[in-house]
N, C-alpha and C. Protein backbone atom coordinates (compact mmCIF):
# COMPACT_ATOMS: atom_id res chain seq x y z
N UNK A 1 -47.68 61.34 25.76
CA UNK A 1 -47.47 59.92 24.58
C UNK A 1 -49.39 60.30 24.09
N UNK A 2 -49.50 59.78 22.82
CA UNK A 2 -50.58 59.76 22.09
C UNK A 2 -50.91 58.35 22.17
N UNK A 3 -52.37 58.03 22.49
CA UNK A 3 -53.22 57.44 22.30
C UNK A 3 -53.93 56.58 20.94
N UNK A 4 -53.16 55.76 20.57
CA UNK A 4 -54.01 55.24 19.18
C UNK A 4 -55.31 54.70 19.83
N UNK A 5 -56.51 55.12 19.12
CA UNK A 5 -57.51 54.52 18.89
C UNK A 5 -57.79 53.41 18.16
N UNK A 6 -57.90 52.08 18.83
CA UNK A 6 -57.95 51.00 17.93
C UNK A 6 -59.72 50.08 18.59
N UNK A 7 -60.35 50.21 16.96
CA UNK A 7 -61.60 49.55 17.47
C UNK A 7 -61.68 48.06 16.88
N UNK A 8 -61.89 47.22 17.34
CA UNK A 8 -61.70 45.92 16.90
C UNK A 8 -63.24 45.53 16.32
N UNK A 9 -64.09 46.06 16.62
CA UNK A 9 -65.19 46.27 16.54
C UNK A 9 -65.54 46.07 15.19
N UNK A 10 -65.16 47.28 14.56
CA UNK A 10 -65.07 48.41 13.19
C UNK A 10 -64.87 47.24 12.56
N UNK A 11 -65.40 47.30 11.29
CA UNK A 11 -65.21 46.86 9.92
C UNK A 11 -63.76 47.03 9.61
N UNK A 12 -62.74 46.80 9.09
CA UNK A 12 -61.22 47.06 8.74
C UNK A 12 -61.37 47.71 7.26
N UNK A 13 -60.87 48.29 6.82
CA UNK A 13 -61.05 49.07 5.43
C UNK A 13 -59.84 48.61 5.29
N UNK A 14 -59.57 47.77 3.88
CA UNK A 14 -58.20 47.60 3.41
C UNK A 14 -57.95 48.72 2.21
N UNK A 15 -56.90 49.35 2.02
CA UNK A 15 -56.47 50.37 0.81
C UNK A 15 -56.22 49.49 -0.24
N UNK A 16 -56.49 49.94 -1.33
CA UNK A 16 -57.02 48.66 -2.34
C UNK A 16 -55.68 48.82 -2.99
N UNK A 17 -54.93 50.21 -3.15
CA UNK A 17 -54.06 50.72 -4.05
C UNK A 17 -52.21 49.93 -3.23
N UNK A 18 -52.35 50.36 -1.82
CA UNK A 18 -51.44 49.70 -1.17
C UNK A 18 -51.28 48.12 -1.39
N UNK A 19 -52.44 47.51 -1.17
CA UNK A 19 -52.78 45.67 -1.32
C UNK A 19 -52.57 45.61 -2.85
N UNK A 20 -52.85 46.25 -4.13
CA UNK A 20 -52.39 45.83 -4.95
C UNK A 20 -50.79 46.11 -5.32
N UNK A 21 -50.09 46.70 -4.96
CA UNK A 21 -48.62 47.43 -4.91
C UNK A 21 -48.18 46.33 -4.50
N UNK A 22 -48.20 45.68 -2.81
CA UNK A 22 -47.60 44.60 -2.48
C UNK A 22 -47.99 43.41 -3.08
N UNK A 23 -49.17 43.01 -3.68
CA UNK A 23 -49.46 41.84 -4.11
C UNK A 23 -48.39 41.89 -5.30
N UNK A 24 -48.53 43.02 -6.37
CA UNK A 24 -47.83 42.93 -7.74
C UNK A 24 -46.09 42.93 -7.31
N UNK A 25 -46.13 43.38 -5.83
CA UNK A 25 -44.22 43.09 -6.01
C UNK A 25 -44.05 41.69 -5.79
N UNK A 26 -44.85 41.34 -4.77
CA UNK A 26 -45.06 39.66 -4.18
C UNK A 26 -44.89 38.62 -5.55
N UNK A 27 -45.89 38.94 -6.55
CA UNK A 27 -45.99 37.93 -7.64
C UNK A 27 -44.61 38.38 -8.47
N UNK A 28 -44.08 39.79 -8.93
CA UNK A 28 -43.00 39.78 -9.38
C UNK A 28 -41.62 39.26 -8.72
N UNK A 29 -41.62 39.08 -7.39
CA UNK A 29 -40.37 38.35 -6.95
C UNK A 29 -40.34 37.22 -7.43
N UNK A 30 -42.09 36.27 -7.36
CA UNK A 30 -41.88 35.20 -7.42
C UNK A 30 -41.35 34.09 -8.98
N UNK A 31 -41.96 35.40 -10.44
CA UNK A 31 -41.53 35.31 -11.15
C UNK A 31 -40.25 35.35 -11.55
N UNK A 32 -39.52 36.33 -11.28
CA UNK A 32 -38.15 36.48 -10.61
C UNK A 32 -37.35 35.18 -10.52
N UNK A 33 -37.91 34.48 -9.48
CA UNK A 33 -36.98 33.61 -8.45
C UNK A 33 -37.22 32.37 -9.64
N UNK A 34 -38.58 32.37 -9.93
CA UNK A 34 -38.76 30.86 -11.07
C UNK A 34 -37.61 30.91 -12.16
N UNK A 35 -37.86 32.13 -12.95
CA UNK A 35 -37.14 32.60 -13.81
C UNK A 35 -35.55 31.91 -13.53
N UNK A 36 -35.15 32.52 -12.37
CA UNK A 36 -33.30 32.18 -12.10
C UNK A 36 -33.26 30.99 -11.80
N UNK A 37 -34.17 30.09 -11.13
CA UNK A 37 -34.37 28.67 -10.78
C UNK A 37 -34.63 27.93 -12.05
N UNK A 38 -34.90 28.21 -13.55
CA UNK A 38 -35.05 27.54 -14.46
C UNK A 38 -33.73 28.12 -15.36
N UNK A 39 -33.21 29.11 -15.34
CA UNK A 39 -31.41 29.44 -16.12
C UNK A 39 -30.77 28.53 -15.17
N UNK A 40 -30.67 28.26 -13.82
CA UNK A 40 -30.03 27.68 -13.17
C UNK A 40 -30.23 26.11 -13.57
N UNK A 41 -30.91 25.54 -13.47
CA UNK A 41 -31.61 24.25 -14.51
C UNK A 41 -30.71 23.80 -15.81
N UNK A 42 -31.38 24.86 -16.68
CA UNK A 42 -30.68 24.71 -17.95
C UNK A 42 -29.15 24.75 -17.93
N UNK A 43 -28.65 25.40 -16.90
CA UNK A 43 -27.27 25.35 -17.23
C UNK A 43 -26.56 24.09 -16.52
N UNK A 44 -27.19 23.79 -15.30
CA UNK A 44 -26.63 22.27 -15.06
C UNK A 44 -26.95 21.37 -16.28
N UNK A 45 -27.81 21.32 -17.09
CA UNK A 45 -28.29 20.24 -18.11
C UNK A 45 -27.49 20.74 -18.78
N UNK A 46 -26.78 21.60 -19.42
CA UNK A 46 -25.60 22.13 -20.18
C UNK A 46 -24.43 21.43 -19.88
N UNK A 47 -23.94 22.05 -19.00
CA UNK A 47 -23.17 21.45 -18.11
C UNK A 47 -22.83 19.83 -18.11
N UNK A 48 -23.92 19.11 -17.84
CA UNK A 48 -23.87 17.74 -18.27
C UNK A 48 -23.88 17.15 -18.66
N UNK A 49 -24.42 17.86 -19.88
CA UNK A 49 -24.66 17.29 -21.40
C UNK A 49 -22.77 17.70 -22.20
N UNK A 50 -22.16 18.20 -21.33
CA UNK A 50 -20.29 18.74 -21.86
C UNK A 50 -19.71 17.71 -21.38
N UNK A 51 -20.14 17.80 -19.84
CA UNK A 51 -18.99 16.61 -19.31
C UNK A 51 -19.36 15.43 -19.89
N UNK A 52 -20.68 14.74 -20.37
CA UNK A 52 -20.87 13.38 -20.99
C UNK A 52 -19.92 13.48 -22.30
N UNK A 53 -20.34 14.39 -23.30
CA UNK A 53 -19.56 14.85 -24.40
C UNK A 53 -18.14 14.51 -24.22
N UNK A 54 -17.23 15.29 -22.89
CA UNK A 54 -15.75 15.08 -23.22
C UNK A 54 -15.69 13.62 -22.15
N UNK A 55 -16.37 12.81 -21.65
CA UNK A 55 -16.12 11.84 -21.20
C UNK A 55 -16.21 10.40 -22.29
N UNK A 56 -16.90 10.84 -23.02
CA UNK A 56 -16.89 10.26 -24.08
C UNK A 56 -15.89 9.50 -24.57
N UNK A 57 -14.62 10.24 -25.18
CA UNK A 57 -13.49 9.36 -25.67
C UNK A 57 -12.56 9.14 -24.46
N UNK A 58 -13.01 9.53 -23.21
CA UNK A 58 -12.33 8.50 -22.29
C UNK A 58 -12.95 7.48 -22.24
N UNK A 59 -14.05 7.28 -22.47
CA UNK A 59 -14.59 5.81 -22.14
C UNK A 59 -14.02 5.06 -23.22
N UNK A 60 -14.47 5.41 -24.47
CA UNK A 60 -13.73 4.72 -25.49
C UNK A 60 -12.55 4.15 -25.54
N UNK A 61 -11.50 5.21 -24.75
CA UNK A 61 -9.85 4.62 -25.30
C UNK A 61 -10.00 3.31 -23.52
N UNK A 62 -10.94 3.55 -22.78
CA UNK A 62 -11.04 2.75 -21.47
C UNK A 62 -10.96 1.23 -21.94
N UNK A 63 -12.13 1.53 -23.03
CA UNK A 63 -12.95 0.00 -23.34
C UNK A 63 -11.74 -0.43 -24.24
N UNK A 64 -11.02 0.44 -25.06
CA UNK A 64 -10.16 -0.16 -26.17
C UNK A 64 -8.62 -0.77 -24.89
N UNK A 65 -8.52 0.11 -24.29
CA UNK A 65 -7.23 -0.92 -23.35
C UNK A 65 -7.71 -2.09 -22.48
N UNK A 66 -9.12 -2.10 -22.58
CA UNK A 66 -9.43 -3.54 -21.33
C UNK A 66 -9.63 -4.10 -22.70
N UNK A 67 -9.92 -4.04 -24.02
CA UNK A 67 -9.72 -4.99 -24.97
C UNK A 67 -8.53 -5.24 -24.84
N UNK A 68 -7.21 -4.31 -25.27
CA UNK A 68 -6.15 -5.02 -25.27
C UNK A 68 -5.88 -5.83 -24.33
N UNK A 69 -5.86 -5.43 -23.06
CA UNK A 69 -5.21 -6.21 -21.93
C UNK A 69 -6.12 -7.73 -21.98
N UNK A 70 -7.32 -7.77 -22.21
CA UNK A 70 -7.59 -9.10 -22.67
C UNK A 70 -7.18 -9.42 -23.84
N UNK A 71 -6.71 -9.23 -24.56
CA UNK A 71 -5.98 -9.90 -25.50
C UNK A 71 -4.55 -10.40 -25.30
N UNK A 72 -4.06 -9.35 -24.44
CA UNK A 72 -2.41 -9.89 -24.04
C UNK A 72 -2.49 -10.96 -22.88
N UNK A 73 -3.61 -10.83 -22.16
CA UNK A 73 -3.55 -12.19 -21.11
C UNK A 73 -4.08 -13.08 -21.58
N UNK A 74 -4.75 -13.57 -22.99
CA UNK A 74 -5.08 -14.51 -23.88
C UNK A 74 -3.85 -14.71 -24.62
N UNK A 75 -3.12 -13.76 -25.02
CA UNK A 75 -1.64 -14.42 -25.29
C UNK A 75 -0.65 -15.22 -24.28
N UNK A 76 -0.50 -14.48 -23.24
CA UNK A 76 0.18 -14.70 -22.25
C UNK A 76 -0.16 -16.42 -21.99
N UNK A 77 -1.59 -16.92 -21.84
CA UNK A 77 -1.91 -18.16 -21.54
C UNK A 77 -1.35 -18.96 -22.56
N UNK A 78 -1.53 -18.30 -24.05
CA UNK A 78 -1.05 -19.34 -24.85
C UNK A 78 -0.03 -19.54 -25.02
N UNK A 79 1.08 -18.75 -24.60
CA UNK A 79 2.69 -19.19 -24.62
C UNK A 79 2.65 -19.56 -23.57
N UNK A 80 2.09 -19.60 -22.11
CA UNK A 80 2.60 -20.97 -21.29
C UNK A 80 1.96 -22.12 -21.57
N UNK A 81 1.21 -22.09 -21.96
CA UNK A 81 0.66 -23.79 -22.69
C UNK A 81 1.91 -24.55 -23.56
N UNK A 82 1.98 -23.27 -23.99
CA UNK A 82 3.02 -23.83 -25.56
C UNK A 82 4.46 -23.87 -24.97
N UNK A 83 4.63 -23.19 -23.85
CA UNK A 83 6.26 -23.39 -23.34
C UNK A 83 6.10 -23.91 -21.80
N UNK A 84 5.14 -24.46 -21.65
CA UNK A 84 5.19 -24.93 -20.77
C UNK A 84 6.17 -25.73 -20.14
N UNK A 85 7.05 -26.55 -20.75
CA UNK A 85 7.63 -27.75 -20.32
C UNK A 85 9.17 -27.08 -20.48
N UNK A 86 9.21 -25.85 -21.05
CA UNK A 86 10.61 -25.23 -20.73
C UNK A 86 10.60 -23.95 -19.98
N UNK A 87 9.46 -23.49 -19.49
CA UNK A 87 9.45 -23.13 -18.71
C UNK A 87 9.60 -23.53 -17.20
N UNK A 88 9.12 -25.11 -16.88
CA UNK A 88 9.62 -25.57 -15.81
C UNK A 88 10.73 -26.02 -15.41
N UNK A 89 11.66 -26.14 -16.46
CA UNK A 89 12.97 -26.54 -16.88
C UNK A 89 13.26 -25.54 -16.30
N UNK A 90 13.34 -23.93 -16.70
CA UNK A 90 13.80 -22.79 -16.90
C UNK A 90 13.67 -22.59 -15.44
N UNK A 91 12.76 -23.02 -14.57
CA UNK A 91 12.42 -22.60 -13.32
C UNK A 91 13.19 -23.44 -12.19
N UNK A 92 13.17 -25.20 -12.92
CA UNK A 92 14.08 -25.72 -11.89
C UNK A 92 15.79 -25.25 -12.07
N UNK A 93 16.28 -24.50 -12.75
CA UNK A 93 17.52 -24.06 -13.08
C UNK A 93 17.66 -23.20 -11.67
N UNK A 94 16.42 -21.47 -11.73
CA UNK A 94 16.70 -20.79 -11.39
C UNK A 94 17.39 -21.15 -9.63
N UNK A 95 15.92 -22.25 -9.79
CA UNK A 95 16.06 -22.91 -8.05
C UNK A 95 17.55 -23.25 -7.26
N UNK A 96 17.50 -24.35 -8.51
CA UNK A 96 19.26 -24.67 -8.16
C UNK A 96 20.22 -23.69 -8.09
N UNK A 97 20.00 -22.77 -9.14
CA UNK A 97 21.01 -21.77 -8.91
C UNK A 97 20.42 -20.54 -7.13
N UNK A 98 19.63 -20.68 -7.03
CA UNK A 98 19.30 -19.66 -5.69
C UNK A 98 20.22 -19.59 -4.65
N UNK A 99 21.20 -20.87 -4.40
CA UNK A 99 22.27 -21.06 -2.85
C UNK A 99 22.88 -20.06 -3.47
N UNK A 100 23.50 -19.02 -2.11
CA UNK A 100 24.46 -18.39 -2.74
C UNK A 100 24.98 -18.19 -1.26
N UNK A 101 26.41 -17.82 -1.41
CA UNK A 101 27.30 -17.66 -0.22
C UNK A 101 27.03 -16.66 0.29
N UNK A 102 26.85 -15.50 -1.00
CA UNK A 102 26.88 -14.18 -0.39
C UNK A 102 25.27 -14.00 0.40
N UNK A 103 24.58 -14.70 0.06
CA UNK A 103 23.36 -14.29 1.54
C UNK A 103 23.61 -15.21 2.87
N UNK A 104 24.10 -16.16 2.53
CA UNK A 104 24.45 -16.86 3.97
C UNK A 104 25.83 -15.40 4.99
N UNK A 105 26.57 -15.31 3.67
CA UNK A 105 27.49 -14.39 4.73
C UNK A 105 26.75 -12.99 5.26
N UNK A 106 26.16 -12.51 4.29
CA UNK A 106 24.82 -11.22 4.83
C UNK A 106 24.31 -11.99 6.00
N UNK A 107 23.84 -12.84 6.15
CA UNK A 107 22.74 -13.02 7.36
C UNK A 107 24.14 -13.03 8.68
N UNK A 108 25.18 -13.59 8.19
CA UNK A 108 26.03 -13.49 9.36
C UNK A 108 26.52 -12.33 9.53
N UNK A 109 26.22 -11.23 8.74
CA UNK A 109 26.91 -10.06 9.06
C UNK A 109 25.87 -9.31 9.73
N UNK A 110 24.80 -9.46 9.63
CA UNK A 110 23.46 -9.10 9.88
C UNK A 110 23.34 -9.34 11.42
N UNK A 111 23.48 -10.57 11.57
CA UNK A 111 23.03 -11.38 13.38
C UNK A 111 24.39 -10.94 13.89
N UNK A 112 25.51 -10.96 13.54
CA UNK A 112 26.35 -10.29 14.43
C UNK A 112 26.55 -8.79 15.10
N UNK A 113 27.10 -8.45 15.85
CA UNK A 113 27.61 -6.93 16.35
C UNK A 113 29.07 -6.87 16.45
N UNK A 114 29.53 -5.48 16.30
CA UNK A 114 30.66 -5.14 16.20
C UNK A 114 31.77 -5.89 17.07
N UNK A 115 31.13 -6.47 18.58
CA UNK A 115 31.99 -6.72 19.54
C UNK A 115 32.37 -8.38 19.33
N UNK A 116 31.72 -9.20 17.90
CA UNK A 116 31.91 -10.12 17.59
C UNK A 116 33.59 -10.20 16.72
N UNK A 117 34.04 -10.96 16.78
CA UNK A 117 35.13 -11.58 15.31
C UNK A 117 34.90 -12.83 15.13
N UNK A 118 35.10 -13.05 13.76
CA UNK A 118 34.95 -14.64 13.35
C UNK A 118 36.36 -15.16 12.69
N UNK A 119 36.62 -15.95 13.73
CA UNK A 119 37.93 -16.66 13.43
C UNK A 119 37.97 -17.88 12.19
N UNK A 120 36.82 -18.42 11.97
CA UNK A 120 36.83 -19.41 11.01
C UNK A 120 35.58 -19.90 10.54
N UNK A 121 35.25 -20.04 9.45
CA UNK A 121 34.27 -20.46 8.73
C UNK A 121 33.76 -21.40 7.99
N UNK A 122 33.23 -22.25 7.86
CA UNK A 122 32.83 -23.52 6.74
C UNK A 122 31.55 -23.46 6.66
N UNK A 123 31.47 -23.30 5.31
CA UNK A 123 30.41 -23.64 4.54
C UNK A 123 30.11 -24.12 3.39
N UNK A 124 29.04 -25.17 3.34
CA UNK A 124 29.16 -26.38 2.62
C UNK A 124 28.44 -25.89 1.43
N UNK A 125 28.68 -26.37 0.34
CA UNK A 125 27.63 -26.13 -0.90
C UNK A 125 26.66 -26.57 -1.08
N UNK A 126 25.47 -26.51 -0.15
CA UNK A 126 24.58 -27.39 -0.48
C UNK A 126 23.69 -26.76 0.73
N UNK A 127 22.20 -26.27 -0.22
CA UNK A 127 21.35 -25.12 0.87
C UNK A 127 20.89 -25.50 2.14
N UNK A 128 20.77 -27.02 2.56
CA UNK A 128 20.13 -27.67 3.83
C UNK A 128 21.57 -28.08 4.69
N UNK A 129 23.05 -27.73 4.37
CA UNK A 129 24.05 -27.77 5.02
C UNK A 129 23.76 -26.75 6.26
N UNK A 130 24.73 -27.65 7.28
CA UNK A 130 24.86 -26.83 8.50
C UNK A 130 26.32 -25.36 8.29
N UNK A 131 26.41 -24.61 9.51
CA UNK A 131 27.38 -23.55 8.79
C UNK A 131 28.00 -23.64 9.96
N UNK A 132 29.57 -24.19 10.50
CA UNK A 132 30.19 -24.03 11.46
C UNK A 132 31.18 -23.14 11.72
N UNK A 133 31.60 -22.70 12.37
CA UNK A 133 32.26 -21.13 12.37
C UNK A 133 32.60 -20.83 14.07
N UNK A 134 34.20 -20.59 14.16
CA UNK A 134 35.05 -20.07 15.49
C UNK A 134 35.24 -18.54 15.49
N UNK A 135 34.40 -18.08 16.76
CA UNK A 135 34.17 -16.85 17.02
C UNK A 135 34.59 -16.17 18.31
N UNK A 136 35.31 -15.41 18.48
CA UNK A 136 35.93 -14.47 19.66
C UNK A 136 34.88 -13.69 19.94
N UNK A 137 34.65 -13.55 21.05
CA UNK A 137 33.70 -12.46 21.72
C UNK A 137 34.22 -11.25 22.70
N UNK A 138 33.88 -10.00 22.50
CA UNK A 138 34.91 -9.09 23.55
C UNK A 138 34.22 -9.65 25.12
N UNK A 139 32.51 -9.19 24.74
CA UNK A 139 32.14 -9.57 26.02
C UNK A 139 30.96 -10.67 26.10
N UNK A 140 30.42 -10.52 27.17
CA UNK A 140 29.45 -12.18 27.49
C UNK A 140 28.41 -11.34 26.74
N UNK A 141 27.90 -9.96 27.01
CA UNK A 141 26.90 -9.09 26.15
C UNK A 141 26.46 -10.00 25.12
N UNK A 142 27.44 -9.37 24.25
CA UNK A 142 28.12 -9.60 22.60
C UNK A 142 27.63 -10.89 22.56
N UNK A 143 28.17 -11.66 23.05
CA UNK A 143 28.26 -13.52 22.38
C UNK A 143 26.81 -13.84 22.45
N UNK A 144 25.74 -13.85 23.50
CA UNK A 144 24.64 -13.86 24.10
C UNK A 144 23.63 -13.45 23.45
N UNK A 145 24.15 -12.03 22.61
CA UNK A 145 23.16 -11.59 21.57
C UNK A 145 23.51 -12.60 20.23
N UNK A 146 24.68 -12.83 19.83
CA UNK A 146 24.45 -13.27 19.05
C UNK A 146 23.78 -14.86 18.71
N UNK A 147 24.01 -15.17 20.22
CA UNK A 147 23.20 -16.36 20.36
C UNK A 147 21.70 -16.48 20.55
N UNK A 148 20.96 -15.37 20.67
CA UNK A 148 19.65 -14.98 20.27
C UNK A 148 19.61 -14.42 19.22
N UNK A 149 20.53 -14.55 18.12
CA UNK A 149 20.12 -14.34 16.90
C UNK A 149 20.06 -15.87 16.22
N UNK A 150 20.63 -16.15 16.33
CA UNK A 150 20.89 -17.58 15.97
C UNK A 150 20.11 -18.74 16.70
N UNK A 151 19.34 -19.10 17.39
CA UNK A 151 18.84 -19.78 18.01
C UNK A 151 17.48 -20.25 17.13
N UNK A 152 17.04 -19.77 16.44
CA UNK A 152 15.84 -20.36 15.49
C UNK A 152 16.58 -20.77 15.14
N UNK A 153 17.70 -21.25 14.41
CA UNK A 153 18.26 -21.74 13.26
C UNK A 153 19.47 -23.37 13.83
N UNK A 154 18.89 -23.86 14.53
CA UNK A 154 19.09 -24.95 15.34
C UNK A 154 20.79 -24.50 16.08
N UNK A 155 20.75 -23.92 16.51
CA UNK A 155 22.14 -23.52 16.86
C UNK A 155 22.77 -24.74 18.14
N UNK A 156 23.72 -25.04 17.94
CA UNK A 156 24.61 -26.07 18.44
C UNK A 156 26.07 -25.63 18.70
N UNK A 157 25.91 -25.21 19.93
CA UNK A 157 27.44 -24.75 20.78
C UNK A 157 28.34 -26.37 21.06
N UNK A 158 29.56 -25.90 20.32
CA UNK A 158 30.35 -27.17 20.19
C UNK A 158 31.61 -26.88 21.77
N UNK A 159 32.17 -25.72 21.46
CA UNK A 159 33.13 -25.57 22.61
C UNK A 159 32.80 -23.92 22.68
N UNK A 160 32.95 -23.77 24.23
CA UNK A 160 32.91 -22.35 24.74
C UNK A 160 34.01 -22.14 25.60
N UNK A 161 35.12 -21.45 25.24
CA UNK A 161 36.23 -21.29 26.55
C UNK A 161 36.59 -19.63 26.58
N UNK A 162 36.93 -19.44 27.65
CA UNK A 162 37.45 -17.86 27.93
C UNK A 162 38.56 -17.66 28.21
N UNK A 163 39.42 -16.89 27.65
CA UNK A 163 40.21 -16.30 27.98
C UNK A 163 40.85 -14.99 28.68
N UNK A 164 41.59 -14.46 28.75
CA UNK A 164 42.18 -13.66 29.52
C UNK A 164 40.92 -12.32 29.46
N UNK A 165 41.04 -11.87 27.92
CA UNK A 165 40.16 -10.75 27.38
C UNK A 165 38.97 -11.11 26.64
N UNK A 166 39.06 -12.29 26.08
CA UNK A 166 37.66 -12.86 25.15
C UNK A 166 37.30 -13.97 25.50
N UNK A 167 35.86 -14.23 25.17
CA UNK A 167 35.48 -15.85 25.17
C UNK A 167 35.04 -16.54 23.22
N UNK A 168 36.50 -17.48 23.66
CA UNK A 168 36.10 -18.12 22.14
C UNK A 168 34.88 -18.94 22.29
N UNK A 169 34.24 -19.14 21.32
CA UNK A 169 32.95 -20.20 21.20
C UNK A 169 33.33 -21.48 19.47
N UNK A 170 33.22 -21.99 19.50
CA UNK A 170 32.75 -22.97 18.27
C UNK A 170 31.45 -23.18 18.49
N UNK A 171 30.95 -22.99 17.30
CA UNK A 171 29.51 -23.28 16.88
C UNK A 171 28.89 -23.95 15.77
N UNK A 172 27.82 -24.30 15.27
CA UNK A 172 26.98 -24.69 13.84
C UNK A 172 25.84 -24.22 13.68
N UNK A 173 25.03 -23.86 13.23
CA UNK A 173 23.43 -23.66 13.01
C UNK A 173 23.49 -24.12 11.38
N UNK A 174 22.09 -24.19 11.26
CA UNK A 174 21.68 -24.46 9.86
C UNK A 174 20.57 -23.45 9.44
N UNK A 175 20.76 -22.69 7.88
CA UNK A 175 20.13 -21.68 7.88
C UNK A 175 18.84 -22.51 6.65
N UNK A 176 17.56 -23.06 6.92
CA UNK A 176 16.96 -23.46 5.79
C UNK A 176 16.75 -22.48 4.76
N UNK A 177 16.29 -21.34 4.51
CA UNK A 177 15.49 -20.21 4.04
C UNK A 177 16.57 -19.21 3.67
N UNK A 178 17.02 -19.26 2.07
CA UNK A 178 17.93 -18.40 1.63
C UNK A 178 17.78 -17.25 1.45
N UNK A 179 16.84 -17.02 1.26
CA UNK A 179 16.00 -14.96 1.11
C UNK A 179 15.96 -14.93 2.54
N UNK A 180 16.91 -14.58 3.20
CA UNK A 180 16.93 -14.34 4.23
C UNK A 180 17.11 -12.51 3.97
């Protein structure tokens, strides 16, 4: 193995050509990176300018739609003000017509299960009247499931008898909300 002599006390001698070559390469790389950064910034600025130019018609269209919407809101308010009594009368007619036997029968169908058979039903032509019915249930489990469904509606059981194979019940309840 060959020893390399290093004398730290001796003055360093710098090779001028090698130093100039390295310094020139570093300066050239710095200029190249600066040019690349400037090119990138110019490209981003152009892209932002194009995006703003493309968004201009969209902004105009949005402003036009907003203006049109506010105009329509004003027209609706004017119509409501002009037709207030007529609208109130129409809404009263709609509320009066909202009572429906179909809604009550649909509620009964949803509340009962396949083990329940309706033998008789009395529906009054009034929103707040009670529904009376006679039913036959094959099992006590089906009957209690129906009771559980109808309990929130002021359920009143008037008669409950048991035959050999089924339970016969007369009951009534009150459905206040027709939009079940």
